[in-house]
Amino acid sequence: MDRTEHIHALRQVLTRLDPTGQAGGMNRFAFGEAALDAQLGGGLARGAVHEVFAPITPAAPAAAGFVTGLVLRAAGAKGHVVWIRQRHAQEETGKLYPQGLAEMGLMPENLTLVLVKDITDVLRAGLEAARCPALGAVVIEPWGHSKHLDMTATRRLSLAGGETGVTSFLFRVAAEPEPSAAATRWQVRGHPSRPLAAGAPGFPAFEAALLRHREGLAQTLWYLEWDRDTLRFRARPEKVDAGFAANPALSGAVAPLLLDGPAASQFGHTG
């Protein structure tokens, strides 16, 4: 599928979501953690661009989980999300795992996954999605550094979101922060989770550093966990409970979603 066909397919999906073009949104969305939301003046700007960086490639899964939580806070549990990935990102970090997304609260029927070849296509598809007011949010996941992802490109995304209310999340792996029009910039890595009763797996936990805030807020480090039952972030202690060492994380093989096979019908998918 060439570049023109990618965009045409995405437009068809977006038109089905909002044939009238009348959808809209509110000005801010909250994390759900009172202290953090108070510091942010009520939460993050809706219809803006927010950057989330994984400081190292192994931190990408945790950063993706953090992005998923933000997406759910911005879009709501039933809001539709478009996730645009550069193919090289999938080659380096693996396919999105549908059961994991569902455990976070993002259901397959509410997600359209778009896989494209290069950064130019990522940005074109992201801008197209940001212009659709029916969407709850769009995740734009390029790979590495690119001269195309500059102030001009992020400003276009910001202007499009300002008109439609669609929040864009630039999810960056293997890249360093550079000047952009993003309203906030975060750096995220994983943090040990606290086991639940009877040693059950705990909530996903994150070390989230606010690196930049367009309104001038100071840099801040937060330790957060994602409450999958209430779909909100909660603050948690920096150090894990003393009993954590006796409850190691569960491990085992997981089955990836084969996007070109029968299971792909669970997702709206273009590419």
Protein backbone atom coordinates (compact mmCIF):
# COMPACT_ATOMS: atom_id res chain seq x y z
CA MET A 1 0.00 0.00 0.00
CA ASP A 2 1.56 3.31 -1.06
CA ARG A 3 1.39 6.65 0.75
CA THR A 4 -1.75 7.89 -1.04
CA GLU A 5 -3.59 4.64 -0.32
CA HIS A 6 -2.63 4.85 3.38
CA ILE A 7 -4.14 8.31 3.71
CA HIS A 8 -7.25 7.37 1.72
CA ALA A 9 -7.85 4.31 3.93
CA LEU A 10 -7.42 6.39 7.09
CA ARG A 11 -9.83 9.04 5.77
CA GLN A 12 -12.46 6.36 5.20
CA VAL A 13 -12.12 5.21 8.82
CA LEU A 14 -12.36 8.78 10.13
CA THR A 15 -15.41 9.55 7.99
CA ARG A 16 -17.24 6.52 9.38
CA LEU A 17 -16.49 7.74 12.90
CA ASP A 18 -17.84 11.26 12.32
CA PRO A 19 -19.76 11.70 9.06
CA THR A 20 -21.15 15.08 10.19
CA GLY A 21 -17.93 16.61 11.56
CA GLN A 22 -19.81 17.96 14.60
CA ALA A 23 -17.98 16.28 17.48
CA GLY A 24 -16.19 18.41 20.07
CA GLY A 25 -14.38 18.29 23.42
CA MET A 26 -13.55 20.04 26.71
CA ASN A 27 -10.48 22.11 27.48
CA ARG A 28 -8.59 19.87 29.91
CA PHE A 29 -8.39 16.28 31.03
CA ALA A 30 -7.14 15.19 34.43
CA PHE A 31 -4.77 12.43 35.52
CA GLY A 32 -7.16 11.55 38.33
CA GLU A 33 -4.49 12.19 41.00
CA ALA A 34 -5.54 15.34 42.88
CA ALA A 35 -2.08 16.60 43.81
CA LEU A 36 -0.70 16.23 40.29
CA ASP A 37 -3.80 17.73 38.68
CA ALA A 38 -3.63 20.70 41.06
CA GLN A 39 0.00 21.29 40.11
CA LEU A 40 -0.99 21.18 36.42
CA GLY A 41 -3.85 23.63 36.87
CA GLY A 42 -6.54 20.99 36.46
CA GLY A 43 -4.75 18.58 34.17
CA LEU A 44 -3.37 18.60 30.65
CA ALA A 45 -4.63 20.70 27.77
CA ARG A 46 -7.07 18.89 25.51
CA GLY A 47 -6.57 19.47 21.80
CA ALA A 48 -2.84 20.04 22.34
CA VAL A 49 0.27 17.98 21.60
CA HIS A 50 1.98 16.17 24.48
CA GLU A 51 5.34 14.41 24.13
CA VAL A 52 6.24 11.22 25.99
CA PHE A 53 9.86 9.99 25.74
CA ALA A 54 11.31 6.63 26.67
CA PRO A 55 14.84 7.46 27.87
CA ILE A 56 16.15 4.10 26.62
CA THR A 57 14.63 1.51 24.31
CA PRO A 58 13.95 -1.02 27.13
CA ALA A 59 11.75 1.65 28.76
CA ALA A 60 9.48 1.75 25.69
CA PRO A 61 6.85 -0.72 27.05
CA ALA A 62 6.46 1.30 30.26
CA ALA A 63 6.25 4.56 28.31
CA ALA A 64 3.65 2.98 26.03
CA GLY A 65 1.62 2.03 29.11
CA PHE A 66 1.82 5.61 30.37
CA VAL A 67 0.70 6.90 26.97
CA THR A 68 -2.21 4.45 27.01
CA GLY A 69 -3.32 5.78 30.39
CA LEU A 70 -3.17 9.37 29.14
CA VAL A 71 -5.11 8.37 26.03
CA LEU A 72 -7.86 6.85 28.15
CA ARG A 73 -8.03 9.94 30.36
CA ALA A 74 -8.23 12.19 27.30
CA ALA A 75 -10.61 10.07 25.24
CA GLY A 76 -12.70 8.31 27.87
CA ALA A 77 -13.20 4.55 28.00
CA LYS A 78 -15.42 4.62 24.89
CA GLY A 79 -13.56 7.24 22.90
CA HIS A 80 -11.99 6.09 19.65
CA VAL A 81 -8.21 6.24 19.35
CA VAL A 82 -5.95 6.17 16.29
CA TRP A 83 -2.44 4.83 16.99
CA ILE A 84 0.02 5.53 14.17
CA ARG A 85 3.30 3.61 14.25
CA GLN A 86 6.33 3.71 12.05
CA ARG A 87 7.05 0.13 11.01
CA HIS A 88 10.60 0.33 12.33
CA ALA A 89 9.21 1.04 15.81
CA GLN A 90 7.31 -2.23 15.65
CA GLU A 91 10.41 -4.06 14.44
CA GLU A 92 12.44 -2.70 17.35
CA THR A 93 9.96 -2.90 20.23
CA GLY A 94 7.38 -5.47 19.08
CA LYS A 95 3.73 -5.37 18.18
CA LEU A 96 1.09 -3.81 20.38
CA TYR A 97 -0.35 -6.53 22.61
CA PRO A 98 -4.17 -6.39 22.53
CA GLN A 99 -4.71 -8.21 25.82
CA GLY A 100 -2.36 -5.80 27.55
CA LEU A 101 -4.15 -2.79 26.08
CA ALA A 102 -7.49 -4.28 27.17
CA GLU A 103 -6.15 -4.80 30.69
CA MET A 104 -5.25 -1.11 30.73
CA GLY A 105 -8.80 -0.30 29.60
CA LEU A 106 -8.29 0.35 25.87
CA MET A 107 -10.64 -2.04 24.08
CA PRO A 108 -9.82 -3.31 20.56
CA GLU A 109 -13.08 -1.95 19.14
CA ASN A 110 -11.99 1.55 20.17
CA LEU A 111 -8.59 1.41 18.48
CA THR A 112 -7.49 1.89 14.88
CA LEU A 113 -3.86 0.91 14.32
CA VAL A 114 -2.03 2.47 11.39
CA LEU A 115 1.39 1.14 10.31
CA VAL A 116 3.41 3.25 7.88
CA LYS A 117 6.91 3.10 6.46
CA ASP A 118 8.58 6.40 7.31
CA ILE A 119 8.36 9.56 9.39
CA THR A 120 6.77 11.57 6.59
CA ASP A 121 3.86 9.14 6.44
CA VAL A 122 3.62 9.11 10.25
CA LEU A 123 3.23 12.88 10.33
CA ARG A 124 0.78 13.01 7.43
CA ALA A 125 -1.43 10.36 8.99
CA GLY A 126 -1.15 12.02 12.40
CA LEU A 127 -2.24 15.37 11.02
CA GLU A 128 -5.15 13.73 9.20
CA ALA A 129 -6.28 12.07 12.43
CA ALA A 130 -5.89 15.25 14.49
CA ARG A 131 -8.28 16.97 12.08
CA CYS A 132 -11.10 14.48 12.83
CA PRO A 133 -13.18 15.81 15.75
CA ALA A 134 -14.82 12.40 16.35
CA LEU A 135 -11.59 10.96 17.72
CA GLY A 136 -10.82 10.84 21.41
CA ALA A 137 -7.07 10.97 20.87
CA VAL A 138 -4.27 10.11 18.45
CA VAL A 139 -0.92 8.50 19.27
CA ILE A 140 1.90 9.30 16.87
CA GLU A 141 4.86 6.94 17.22
CA PRO A 142 7.81 7.67 14.95
CA TRP A 143 11.19 6.04 15.48
CA GLY A 144 14.35 7.88 16.35
CA HIS A 145 15.45 11.34 15.31
CA SER A 146 14.17 13.02 12.16
CA LYS A 147 14.62 16.49 10.72
CA HIS A 148 10.98 16.31 9.60
CA LEU A 149 9.69 16.25 13.18
CA ASP A 150 10.41 19.89 13.94
CA MET A 151 8.69 22.97 15.30
CA THR A 152 6.69 23.43 12.10
CA ALA A 153 5.35 19.87 12.08
CA THR A 154 4.37 19.91 15.76
CA ARG A 155 2.79 23.35 15.37
CA ARG A 156 0.59 22.00 12.59
CA LEU A 157 -0.53 19.19 14.87
CA SER A 158 -1.20 21.66 17.65
CA LEU A 159 -3.26 23.94 15.40
CA ALA A 160 -5.30 21.01 14.08
CA GLY A 161 -6.01 19.78 17.62
CA GLY A 162 -6.92 23.28 18.72
CA GLU A 163 -9.64 23.36 16.08
CA THR A 164 -11.05 19.87 16.71
CA GLY A 165 -10.31 19.21 20.37
CA VAL A 166 -8.37 16.05 19.49
CA THR A 167 -5.37 15.49 21.76
CA SER A 168 -2.18 14.20 20.12
CA PHE A 169 0.48 12.22 21.95
CA LEU A 170 3.93 12.09 20.36
CA PHE A 171 5.42 8.86 21.66
CA ARG A 172 9.20 9.03 21.13
CA VAL A 173 11.65 6.15 21.40
CA ALA A 174 15.36 6.30 20.46
CA ALA A 175 15.16 10.09 20.26
CA GLU A 176 16.28 13.11 22.27
CA PRO A 177 14.01 16.05 23.17
CA GLU A 178 14.22 18.95 20.72
CA PRO A 179 12.32 22.25 20.33
CA SER A 180 8.67 21.61 19.55
CA ALA A 181 5.19 23.05 19.94
CA ALA A 182 4.22 20.42 22.52
CA ALA A 183 2.29 21.70 25.55
CA THR A 184 4.08 19.23 27.85
CA ARG A 185 7.03 16.87 27.61
CA TRP A 186 7.40 13.77 29.79
CA GLN A 187 10.12 11.18 30.24
CA VAL A 188 8.85 7.84 31.50
CA ARG A 189 10.35 4.60 32.68
CA GLY A 190 8.90 1.66 34.59
CA HIS A 191 8.70 1.45 38.38
CA PRO A 192 8.18 -1.66 40.56
CA SER A 193 4.51 -2.31 41.18
CA ARG A 194 3.02 -3.14 44.55
CA PRO A 195 1.48 -6.62 44.76
CA LEU A 196 -2.21 -6.81 45.59
CA ALA A 197 -3.87 -9.18 48.04
CA ALA A 198 -2.70 -12.80 47.90
CA GLY A 199 0.28 -11.76 45.79
CA ALA A 200 -1.84 -10.84 42.77
CA PRO A 201 -0.06 -8.66 40.16
CA GLY A 202 -0.14 -5.02 41.13
CA PHE A 203 -1.14 -1.99 39.11
CA PRO A 204 1.26 -0.80 36.38
CA ALA A 205 3.66 1.73 37.92
CA PHE A 206 5.68 4.53 36.34
CA GLU A 207 8.44 7.00 37.07
CA ALA A 208 7.21 10.06 35.16
CA ALA A 209 9.33 13.19 34.91
CA LEU A 210 7.71 16.39 33.67
CA LEU A 211 10.55 17.90 31.64
CA ARG A 212 8.75 20.85 30.10
CA HIS A 213 5.48 22.68 30.52
CA ARG A 214 4.53 25.45 28.11
CA GLU A 215 3.01 27.45 30.96
CA GLY A 216 6.32 27.51 32.78
CA LEU A 217 5.80 24.92 35.52
CA ALA A 218 8.96 23.58 37.10
CA GLN A 219 10.34 20.16 36.26
CA THR A 220 8.87 17.55 38.59
CA LEU A 221 9.30 13.82 39.15
CA TRP A 222 6.22 11.74 39.95
CA TYR A 223 5.79 8.10 40.90
CA LEU A 224 2.42 6.97 39.61
CA GLU A 225 0.42 3.81 39.18
CA TRP A 226 -2.46 3.16 36.80
CA ASP A 227 -5.64 1.97 38.53
CA ARG A 228 -7.14 -0.24 35.86
CA ASP A 229 -10.40 -0.52 37.82
CA THR A 230 -11.15 3.21 37.92
CA LEU A 231 -9.06 4.18 34.84
CA ARG A 232 -7.05 6.85 36.62
CA PHE A 233 -3.52 7.53 37.78
CA ARG A 234 -2.66 7.52 41.47
CA ALA A 235 0.43 8.71 43.29
CA ARG A 236 2.46 6.05 45.04
CA PRO A 237 5.54 5.99 47.26
CA GLU A 238 8.94 6.18 45.61
CA LYS A 239 10.05 3.01 47.39
CA VAL A 240 8.15 -0.26 47.07
CA ASP A 241 6.72 -2.02 50.10
CA ALA A 242 9.10 -4.13 52.16
CA GLY A 243 7.28 -7.28 51.15
CA PHE A 244 7.79 -6.69 47.45
CA ALA A 245 10.89 -8.85 47.24
CA ALA A 246 8.83 -11.85 48.34
CA ASN A 247 6.38 -11.27 45.49
CA PRO A 248 8.38 -11.17 42.24
CA ALA A 249 6.76 -10.17 39.00
CA LEU A 250 5.00 -12.86 37.01
CA SER A 251 6.60 -13.84 33.75
CA GLY A 252 5.78 -15.99 30.77
CA ALA A 253 5.26 -16.02 27.05
CA VAL A 254 2.63 -13.85 25.42
CA ALA A 255 1.07 -14.22 22.01
CA PRO A 256 1.39 -11.17 19.70
CA LEU A 257 -1.47 -10.06 17.52
CA LEU A 258 -0.86 -11.08 13.92
CA LEU A 259 -2.03 -7.98 12.10
CA ASP A 260 -2.18 -9.77 8.77
CA GLY A 261 -4.04 -12.80 10.13
CA PRO A 262 -7.59 -13.61 11.35
CA ALA A 263 -7.06 -11.94 14.73
CA ALA A 264 -6.60 -8.61 12.99
CA SER A 265 -10.40 -8.34 12.78
CA GLN A 266 -10.35 -7.33 16.47
CA PHE A 267 -8.81 -4.03 15.45
CA GLY A 268 -9.70 -1.37 12.97
CA HIS A 269 -6.46 -1.53 10.97
CA THR A 270 -5.05 0.29 8.01
CA GLY A 271 -1.74 -0.44 6.41
